[in-house]
Amino acid sequence: MESRKMTDLLISIFGDFYGNMLGILLNATQWTIYLSLTAFVGGGIVGLVMTVLKISPSKPLRVFASMYIWFFQSIPLLMLLFILGLGVPVFFSIDVPPWLAASVALTLFTSAYLSEVWRGALQSIPKGQWEGGTAVGMTFSQNLIYIIAPQAIRIAIPSTVGFMIQVIKGTSMAYIINYDDLMRWGKKIANSQLDGAEPFIIFPIVGLFYFALCFPLSCLSKHLEKRLNTQNR
């Protein structure tokens, strides 16, 4: 109902074609946002686990985490989408919904990069902090939770927020497996035979939608980085 009211308002301002087009793109944008949040939350959880494994005292766990990160950083996101959204359903003769394939692919992609961001933040903390905790009898887990992580979080936040932009832009590739996001509907409209649906008009409008999603995050990331640098000084 609210979507219909919004579309009617856009039609009254921009006319039938462009009003309906903007209404469709606006509705599709919510699916881009949902996929971005799913990938960011899922990737954050998996990435956090890999970060802890990467700095753990156990060599096998460190090797496993390193192999995971290396593997999913080396595979292009487009290839992951092809494999999970097109390859797996054909090879195993199972139905994989586009949203599930896109969510898993982006989660794997996001987790590998966030893990490296957070590992870098943890390892930027002076070794004396680790040694101090160990000297008073803290275990590795206690040292990490109570001493190292609170300091590393402040360092990692700007980069983490900034990486969210890459996740949002990465969702635009999900159209190849028929996920109903902003890019897919923009492509469908641009490929239609309707008057005014020229690609050189539609795709810049789609780009503006992505800009509206990413620009606030870019500003927030820069603000947090400046604030962190000021506090450190």
C-alpha atoms as a PDB file:
ATOM      1  CA  MET A   1       0.000   0.000   0.000  1.00  0.00           C
ATOM      2  CA  GLU A   2       2.781   2.401   0.967  1.00  0.00           C
ATOM      3  CA  SER A   3       4.703   1.390  -2.155  1.00  0.00           C
ATOM      4  CA  ARG A   4       1.671   2.203  -4.325  1.00  0.00           C
ATOM      5  CA  LYS A   5       1.279   5.611  -2.684  1.00  0.00           C
ATOM      6  CA  MET A   6       4.947   6.355  -3.278  1.00  0.00           C
ATOM      7  CA  THR A   7       4.648   5.317  -6.927  1.00  0.00           C
ATOM      8  CA  ASP A   8       1.549   7.495  -7.387  1.00  0.00           C
ATOM      9  CA  LEU A   9       3.452  10.433  -5.908  1.00  0.00           C
ATOM     10  CA  LEU A  10       6.382   9.846  -8.264  1.00  0.00           C
ATOM     11  CA  ILE A  11       3.995   9.572 -11.235  1.00  0.00           C
ATOM     12  CA  SER A  12       2.422  12.905 -10.312  1.00  0.00           C
ATOM     13  CA  ILE A  13       5.892  14.501 -10.294  1.00  0.00           C
ATOM     14  CA  PHE A  14       7.753  12.746 -13.138  1.00  0.00           C
ATOM     15  CA  GLY A  15       4.981  11.374 -15.336  1.00  0.00           C
ATOM     16  CA  ASP A  16       3.801   7.837 -16.028  1.00  0.00           C
ATOM     17  CA  PHE A  17       6.957   6.211 -17.388  1.00  0.00           C
ATOM     18  CA  TYR A  18       9.577   7.769 -15.148  1.00  0.00           C
ATOM     19  CA  GLY A  19       7.295   7.703 -12.115  1.00  0.00           C
ATOM     20  CA  ASN A  20       6.662   3.975 -12.521  1.00  0.00           C
ATOM     21  CA  MET A  21      10.343   3.352 -13.279  1.00  0.00           C
ATOM     22  CA  LEU A  22      11.500   5.169 -10.146  1.00  0.00           C
ATOM     23  CA  GLY A  23       8.867   3.329  -8.109  1.00  0.00           C
ATOM     24  CA  ILE A  24      10.143  -0.031  -9.406  1.00  0.00           C
ATOM     25  CA  LEU A  25      13.782   0.883  -8.740  1.00  0.00           C
ATOM     26  CA  LEU A  26      12.918   2.193  -5.291  1.00  0.00           C
ATOM     27  CA  ASN A  27      11.141  -1.057  -4.457  1.00  0.00           C
ATOM     28  CA  ALA A  28      14.090  -3.091  -5.820  1.00  0.00           C
ATOM     29  CA  THR A  29      16.501  -1.075  -3.703  1.00  0.00           C
ATOM     30  CA  GLN A  30      15.113  -2.661  -0.547  1.00  0.00           C
ATOM     31  CA  TRP A  31      16.288  -6.076  -1.803  1.00  0.00           C
ATOM     32  CA  THR A  32      19.743  -4.672  -2.424  1.00  0.00           C
ATOM     33  CA  ILE A  33      19.754  -3.388   1.160  1.00  0.00           C
ATOM     34  CA  TYR A  34      18.529  -6.723   2.561  1.00  0.00           C
ATOM     35  CA  LEU A  35      21.217  -8.645   0.673  1.00  0.00           C
ATOM     36  CA  SER A  36      23.899  -6.185   1.792  1.00  0.00           C
ATOM     37  CA  LEU A  37      22.882  -6.492   5.444  1.00  0.00           C
ATOM     38  CA  THR A  38      22.706 -10.291   5.220  1.00  0.00           C
ATOM     39  CA  ALA A  39      26.167 -10.461   3.665  1.00  0.00           C
ATOM     40  CA  PHE A  40      27.609  -7.991   6.155  1.00  0.00           C
ATOM     41  CA  VAL A  41      26.163  -9.697   9.238  1.00  0.00           C
ATOM     42  CA  GLY A  42      26.895 -13.224   8.009  1.00  0.00           C
ATOM     43  CA  GLY A  43      30.326 -12.243   6.750  1.00  0.00           C
ATOM     44  CA  GLY A  44      31.021 -10.442   9.996  1.00  0.00           C
ATOM     45  CA  ILE A  45      30.240 -13.507  12.085  1.00  0.00           C
ATOM     46  CA  VAL A  46      32.309 -15.862   9.927  1.00  0.00           C
ATOM     47  CA  GLY A  47      35.051 -13.249   9.585  1.00  0.00           C
ATOM     48  CA  LEU A  48      35.242 -12.818  13.346  1.00  0.00           C
ATOM     49  CA  VAL A  49      35.719 -16.560  13.793  1.00  0.00           C
ATOM     50  CA  MET A  50      38.462 -16.591  11.152  1.00  0.00           C
ATOM     51  CA  THR A  51      40.145 -13.593  12.762  1.00  0.00           C
ATOM     52  CA  VAL A  52      40.353 -15.341  16.116  1.00  0.00           C
ATOM     53  CA  LEU A  53      41.637 -18.523  14.480  1.00  0.00           C
ATOM     54  CA  LYS A  54      44.224 -16.552  12.508  1.00  0.00           C
ATOM     55  CA  ILE A  55      45.826 -15.140  15.679  1.00  0.00           C
ATOM     56  CA  SER A  56      45.275 -18.174  17.911  1.00  0.00           C
ATOM     57  CA  PRO A  57      48.251 -19.991  19.522  1.00  0.00           C
ATOM     58  CA  SER A  58      47.331 -23.169  17.602  1.00  0.00           C
ATOM     59  CA  LYS A  59      49.268 -23.514  14.354  1.00  0.00           C
ATOM     60  CA  PRO A  60      46.708 -25.851  12.660  1.00  0.00           C
ATOM     61  CA  LEU A  61      43.951 -23.309  13.337  1.00  0.00           C
ATOM     62  CA  ARG A  62      46.095 -20.480  11.981  1.00  0.00           C
ATOM     63  CA  VAL A  63      46.848 -22.493   8.842  1.00  0.00           C
ATOM     64  CA  PHE A  64      43.159 -23.314   8.347  1.00  0.00           C
ATOM     65  CA  ALA A  65      42.158 -19.653   8.715  1.00  0.00           C
ATOM     66  CA  SER A  66      44.921 -18.536   6.355  1.00  0.00           C
ATOM     67  CA  MET A  67      43.814 -21.055   3.716  1.00  0.00           C
ATOM     68  CA  TYR A  68      40.178 -19.967   4.060  1.00  0.00           C
ATOM     69  CA  ILE A  69      41.041 -16.290   3.696  1.00  0.00           C
ATOM     70  CA  TRP A  70      43.449 -16.887   0.828  1.00  0.00           C
ATOM     71  CA  PHE A  71      40.964 -19.100  -1.025  1.00  0.00           C
ATOM     72  CA  PHE A  72      37.960 -16.769  -0.886  1.00  0.00           C
ATOM     73  CA  GLN A  73      40.025 -13.666  -1.556  1.00  0.00           C
ATOM     74  CA  SER A  74      41.464 -15.350  -4.649  1.00  0.00           C
ATOM     75  CA  ILE A  75      38.116 -16.320  -6.188  1.00  0.00           C
ATOM     76  CA  PRO A  76      36.265 -13.441  -7.911  1.00  0.00           C
ATOM     77  CA  LEU A  77      32.849 -12.694  -6.461  1.00  0.00           C
ATOM     78  CA  LEU A  78      31.336 -13.181  -9.908  1.00  0.00           C
ATOM     79  CA  MET A  79      32.731 -16.716 -10.019  1.00  0.00           C
ATOM     80  CA  LEU A  80      31.286 -17.519  -6.585  1.00  0.00           C
ATOM     81  CA  LEU A  81      27.884 -16.360  -7.782  1.00  0.00           C
ATOM     82  CA  PHE A  82      28.148 -18.497 -10.916  1.00  0.00           C
ATOM     83  CA  ILE A  83      29.177 -21.574  -8.930  1.00  0.00           C
ATOM     84  CA  LEU A  84      26.552 -21.269  -6.185  1.00  0.00           C
ATOM     85  CA  GLY A  85      23.717 -19.836  -8.240  1.00  0.00           C
ATOM     86  CA  LEU A  86      24.150 -21.696 -11.529  1.00  0.00           C
ATOM     87  CA  GLY A  87      26.705 -24.494 -11.104  1.00  0.00           C
ATOM     88  CA  VAL A  88      25.477 -26.142  -7.908  1.00  0.00           C
ATOM     89  CA  PRO A  89      21.803 -26.371  -9.010  1.00  0.00           C
ATOM     90  CA  VAL A  90      22.783 -28.010 -12.326  1.00  0.00           C
ATOM     91  CA  PHE A  91      25.510 -30.299 -10.974  1.00  0.00           C
ATOM     92  CA  PHE A  92      23.556 -31.590  -7.960  1.00  0.00           C
ATOM     93  CA  SER A  93      20.077 -31.268  -9.525  1.00  0.00           C
ATOM     94  CA  ILE A  94      18.751 -29.204  -6.635  1.00  0.00           C
ATOM     95  CA  ASP A  95      16.862 -25.936  -6.461  1.00  0.00           C
ATOM     96  CA  VAL A  96      18.899 -23.098  -4.976  1.00  0.00           C
ATOM     97  CA  PRO A  97      16.898 -19.865  -4.592  1.00  0.00           C
ATOM     98  CA  PRO A  98      18.750 -16.838  -5.983  1.00  0.00           C
ATOM     99  CA  TRP A  99      18.604 -15.031  -2.628  1.00  0.00           C
ATOM    100  CA  LEU A 100      20.254 -17.993  -0.882  1.00  0.00           C
ATOM    101  CA  ALA A 101      23.016 -18.349  -3.477  1.00  0.00           C
ATOM    102  CA  ALA A 102      23.677 -14.602  -3.442  1.00  0.00           C
ATOM    103  CA  SER A 103      23.695 -14.478   0.366  1.00  0.00           C
ATOM    104  CA  VAL A 104      26.167 -17.355   0.696  1.00  0.00           C
ATOM    105  CA  ALA A 105      28.464 -16.029  -2.039  1.00  0.00           C
ATOM    106  CA  LEU A 106      28.571 -12.528  -0.572  1.00  0.00           C
ATOM    107  CA  THR A 107      28.972 -13.870   2.958  1.00  0.00           C
ATOM    108  CA  LEU A 108      32.043 -15.870   1.929  1.00  0.00           C
ATOM    109  CA  PHE A 109      33.446 -12.890   0.031  1.00  0.00           C
ATOM    110  CA  THR A 110      32.794 -10.474   2.903  1.00  0.00           C
ATOM    111  CA  SER A 111      34.119 -12.765   5.637  1.00  0.00           C
ATOM    112  CA  ALA A 112      37.497 -13.196   3.931  1.00  0.00           C
ATOM    113  CA  TYR A 113      38.120  -9.464   3.635  1.00  0.00           C
ATOM    114  CA  LEU A 114      36.670  -8.433   7.001  1.00  0.00           C
ATOM    115  CA  SER A 115      38.835 -11.066   8.661  1.00  0.00           C
ATOM    116  CA  GLU A 116      41.955  -9.409   7.268  1.00  0.00           C
ATOM    117  CA  VAL A 117      40.752  -5.953   8.279  1.00  0.00           C
ATOM    118  CA  TRP A 118      40.156  -7.079  11.846  1.00  0.00           C
ATOM    119  CA  ARG A 119      43.354  -9.128  12.032  1.00  0.00           C
ATOM    120  CA  GLY A 120      45.311  -6.044  11.025  1.00  0.00           C
ATOM    121  CA  ALA A 121      43.585  -4.015  13.741  1.00  0.00           C
ATOM    122  CA  LEU A 122      44.374  -6.642  16.386  1.00  0.00           C
ATOM    123  CA  GLN A 123      47.994  -6.961  15.340  1.00  0.00           C
ATOM    124  CA  SER A 124      48.440  -3.186  15.391  1.00  0.00           C
ATOM    125  CA  ILE A 125      48.097  -3.277  19.182  1.00  0.00           C
ATOM    126  CA  PRO A 126      51.597  -3.239  20.741  1.00  0.00           C
ATOM    127  CA  LYS A 127      52.873  -6.631  21.879  1.00  0.00           C
ATOM    128  CA  GLY A 128      53.411  -5.166  25.331  1.00  0.00           C
ATOM    129  CA  GLN A 129      49.633  -5.217  25.811  1.00  0.00           C
ATOM    130  CA  TRP A 130      49.578  -8.985  25.223  1.00  0.00           C
ATOM    131  CA  GLU A 131      52.594  -9.489  27.448  1.00  0.00           C
ATOM    132  CA  GLY A 132      51.046  -7.409  30.224  1.00  0.00           C
ATOM    133  CA  GLY A 133      47.904  -9.531  30.259  1.00  0.00           C
ATOM    134  CA  THR A 134      49.908 -12.738  30.203  1.00  0.00           C
ATOM    135  CA  ALA A 135      52.061 -11.461  33.087  1.00  0.00           C
ATOM    136  CA  VAL A 136      49.023 -11.104  35.365  1.00  0.00           C
ATOM    137  CA  GLY A 137      47.846 -14.648  34.555  1.00  0.00           C
ATOM    138  CA  MET A 138      45.296 -14.009  31.806  1.00  0.00           C
ATOM    139  CA  THR A 139      44.615 -16.702  29.221  1.00  0.00           C
ATOM    140  CA  PHE A 140      44.713 -15.970  25.488  1.00  0.00           C
ATOM    141  CA  SER A 141      40.917 -15.585  25.399  1.00  0.00           C
ATOM    142  CA  GLN A 142      40.805 -13.276  28.418  1.00  0.00           C
ATOM    143  CA  ASN A 143      43.639 -11.188  27.052  1.00  0.00           C
ATOM    144  CA  LEU A 144      41.890 -10.862  23.708  1.00  0.00           C
ATOM    145  CA  ILE A 145      38.456 -10.003  25.111  1.00  0.00           C
ATOM    146  CA  TYR A 146      39.381  -7.641  27.934  1.00  0.00           C
ATOM    147  CA  ILE A 147      42.563  -5.917  26.747  1.00  0.00           C
ATOM    148  CA  ILE A 148      43.210  -6.229  23.012  1.00  0.00           C
ATOM    149  CA  ALA A 149      39.742  -6.239  21.407  1.00  0.00           C
ATOM    150  CA  PRO A 150      38.482  -2.993  23.032  1.00  0.00           C
ATOM    151  CA  GLN A 151      41.493  -1.146  21.628  1.00  0.00           C
ATOM    152  CA  ALA A 152      41.352  -2.848  18.216  1.00  0.00           C
ATOM    153  CA  ILE A 153      37.644  -2.102  17.746  1.00  0.00           C
ATOM    154  CA  ARG A 154      38.285   1.646  17.638  1.00  0.00           C
ATOM    155  CA  ILE A 155      40.918   1.123  14.961  1.00  0.00           C
ATOM    156  CA  ALA A 156      38.829  -1.273  12.880  1.00  0.00           C
ATOM    157  CA  ILE A 157      35.521   0.622  12.836  1.00  0.00           C
ATOM    158  CA  PRO A 158      36.350   3.130  10.034  1.00  0.00           C
ATOM    159  CA  SER A 159      37.680   0.426   7.704  1.00  0.00           C
ATOM    160  CA  THR A 160      34.757  -1.853   8.519  1.00  0.00           C
ATOM    161  CA  VAL A 161      32.206   0.835   7.701  1.00  0.00           C
ATOM    162  CA  GLY A 162      34.142   1.661   4.535  1.00  0.00           C
ATOM    163  CA  PHE A 163      34.100  -1.972   3.432  1.00  0.00           C
ATOM    164  CA  MET A 164      30.316  -1.942   3.651  1.00  0.00           C
ATOM    165  CA  ILE A 165      30.454   0.145   0.475  1.00  0.00           C
ATOM    166  CA  GLN A 166      32.224  -2.708  -1.331  1.00  0.00           C
ATOM    167  CA  VAL A 167      29.536  -5.110  -0.114  1.00  0.00           C
ATOM    168  CA  ILE A 168      26.743  -2.900  -1.462  1.00  0.00           C
ATOM    169  CA  LYS A 169      28.469  -2.544  -4.833  1.00  0.00           C
ATOM    170  CA  GLY A 170      29.153  -6.276  -4.855  1.00  0.00           C
ATOM    171  CA  THR A 171      25.426  -7.018  -4.662  1.00  0.00           C
ATOM    172  CA  SER A 172      25.043  -5.527  -8.145  1.00  0.00           C
ATOM    173  CA  MET A 173      26.590  -8.720  -9.564  1.00  0.00           C
ATOM    174  CA  ALA A 174      23.782 -10.867  -8.151  1.00  0.00           C
ATOM    175  CA  TYR A 175      21.581 -10.001 -11.124  1.00  0.00           C
ATOM    176  CA  ILE A 176      23.375 -12.734 -13.124  1.00  0.00           C
ATOM    177  CA  ILE A 177      21.600 -15.384 -11.025  1.00  0.00           C
ATOM    178  CA  ASN A 178      18.236 -13.575 -11.278  1.00  0.00           C
ATOM    179  CA  TYR A 179      18.230 -11.986  -7.847  1.00  0.00           C
ATOM    180  CA  ASP A 180      15.585  -9.249  -7.921  1.00  0.00           C
ATOM    181  CA  ASP A 181      17.764  -6.368  -6.813  1.00  0.00           C
ATOM    182  CA  LEU A 182      18.318  -2.846  -8.072  1.00  0.00           C
ATOM    183  CA  MET A 183      20.694  -3.805 -10.889  1.00  0.00           C
ATOM    184  CA  ARG A 184      18.461  -6.563 -12.282  1.00  0.00           C
ATOM    185  CA  TRP A 185      15.423  -4.312 -12.513  1.00  0.00           C
ATOM    186  CA  GLY A 186      17.507  -1.509 -13.972  1.00  0.00           C
ATOM    187  CA  LYS A 187      18.768  -3.912 -16.645  1.00  0.00           C
ATOM    188  CA  LYS A 188      15.249  -5.200 -17.356  1.00  0.00           C
ATOM    189  CA  ILE A 189      13.931  -1.676 -17.825  1.00  0.00           C
ATOM    190  CA  ALA A 190      16.904  -0.650 -19.967  1.00  0.00           C
ATOM    191  CA  ASN A 191      16.416  -3.714 -22.197  1.00  0.00           C
ATOM    192  CA  SER A 192      12.690  -3.144 -22.618  1.00  0.00           C
ATOM    193  CA  GLN A 193      11.194  -1.627 -25.756  1.00  0.00           C
ATOM    194  CA  LEU A 194       9.359   1.133 -23.890  1.00  0.00           C
ATOM    195  CA  ASP A 195       9.762   4.730 -24.972  1.00  0.00           C
ATOM    196  CA  GLY A 196      12.272   6.497 -22.745  1.00  0.00           C
ATOM    197  CA  ALA A 197      13.939   3.250 -21.605  1.00  0.00           C
ATOM    198  CA  GLU A 198      17.267   4.035 -23.217  1.00  0.00           C
ATOM    199  CA  PRO A 199      20.224   2.420 -21.387  1.00  0.00           C
ATOM    200  CA  PHE A 200      22.165   5.704 -21.326  1.00  0.00           C
ATOM    201  CA  ILE A 201      19.309   7.165 -19.270  1.00  0.00           C
ATOM    202  CA  ILE A 202      18.349   4.202 -17.091  1.00  0.00           C
ATOM    203  CA  PHE A 203      21.815   3.078 -15.974  1.00  0.00           C
ATOM    204  CA  PRO A 204      22.905   6.546 -14.752  1.00  0.00           C
ATOM    205  CA  ILE A 205      19.683   6.649 -12.706  1.00  0.00           C
ATOM    206  CA  VAL A 206      20.519   3.222 -11.270  1.00  0.00           C
ATOM    207  CA  GLY A 207      24.007   4.554 -10.517  1.00  0.00           C
ATOM    208  CA  LEU A 208      22.460   7.426  -8.573  1.00  0.00           C
ATOM    209  CA  PHE A 209      20.553   4.919  -6.437  1.00  0.00           C
ATOM    210  CA  TYR A 210      23.819   3.140  -5.613  1.00  0.00           C
ATOM    211  CA  PHE A 211      25.437   6.511  -4.923  1.00  0.00           C
ATOM    212  CA  ALA A 212      22.647   7.361  -2.483  1.00  0.00           C
ATOM    213  CA  LEU A 213      23.355   4.114  -0.612  1.00  0.00           C
ATOM    214  CA  CYS A 214      27.149   4.363  -0.618  1.00  0.00           C
ATOM    215  CA  PHE A 215      27.897   8.058  -0.185  1.00  0.00           C
ATOM    216  CA  PRO A 216      26.584   8.355   3.407  1.00  0.00           C
ATOM    217  CA  LEU A 217      28.696   5.346   4.403  1.00  0.00           C
ATOM    218  CA  SER A 218      31.759   6.905   2.756  1.00  0.00           C
ATOM    219  CA  CYS A 219      31.220  10.125   4.710  1.00  0.00           C
ATOM    220  CA  LEU A 220      30.689   8.179   7.925  1.00  0.00           C
ATOM    221  CA  SER A 221      33.899   6.202   7.381  1.00  0.00           C
ATOM    222  CA  LYS A 222      35.932   9.381   6.804  1.00  0.00           C
ATOM    223  CA  HIS A 223      34.356  11.040   9.837  1.00  0.00           C
ATOM    224  CA  LEU A 224      35.179   8.082  12.076  1.00  0.00           C
ATOM    225  CA  GLU A 225      38.739   7.957  10.746  1.00  0.00           C
ATOM    226  CA  LYS A 226      39.301  11.670  11.423  1.00  0.00           C
ATOM    227  CA  ARG A 227      37.783  11.348  14.877  1.00  0.00           C
ATOM    228  CA  LEU A 228      40.016   8.370  15.662  1.00  0.00           C
ATOM    229  CA  ASN A 229      43.133  10.210  14.493  1.00  0.00           C
ATOM    230  CA  THR A 230      42.202  13.255  16.590  1.00  0.00           C
ATOM    231  CA  GLN A 231      41.685  11.129  19.697  1.00  0.00           C
ATOM    232  CA  ASN A 232      44.985   9.340  19.141  1.00  0.00           C
ATOM    233  CA  ARG A 233      46.831  12.649  18.897  1.00  0.00           C
END
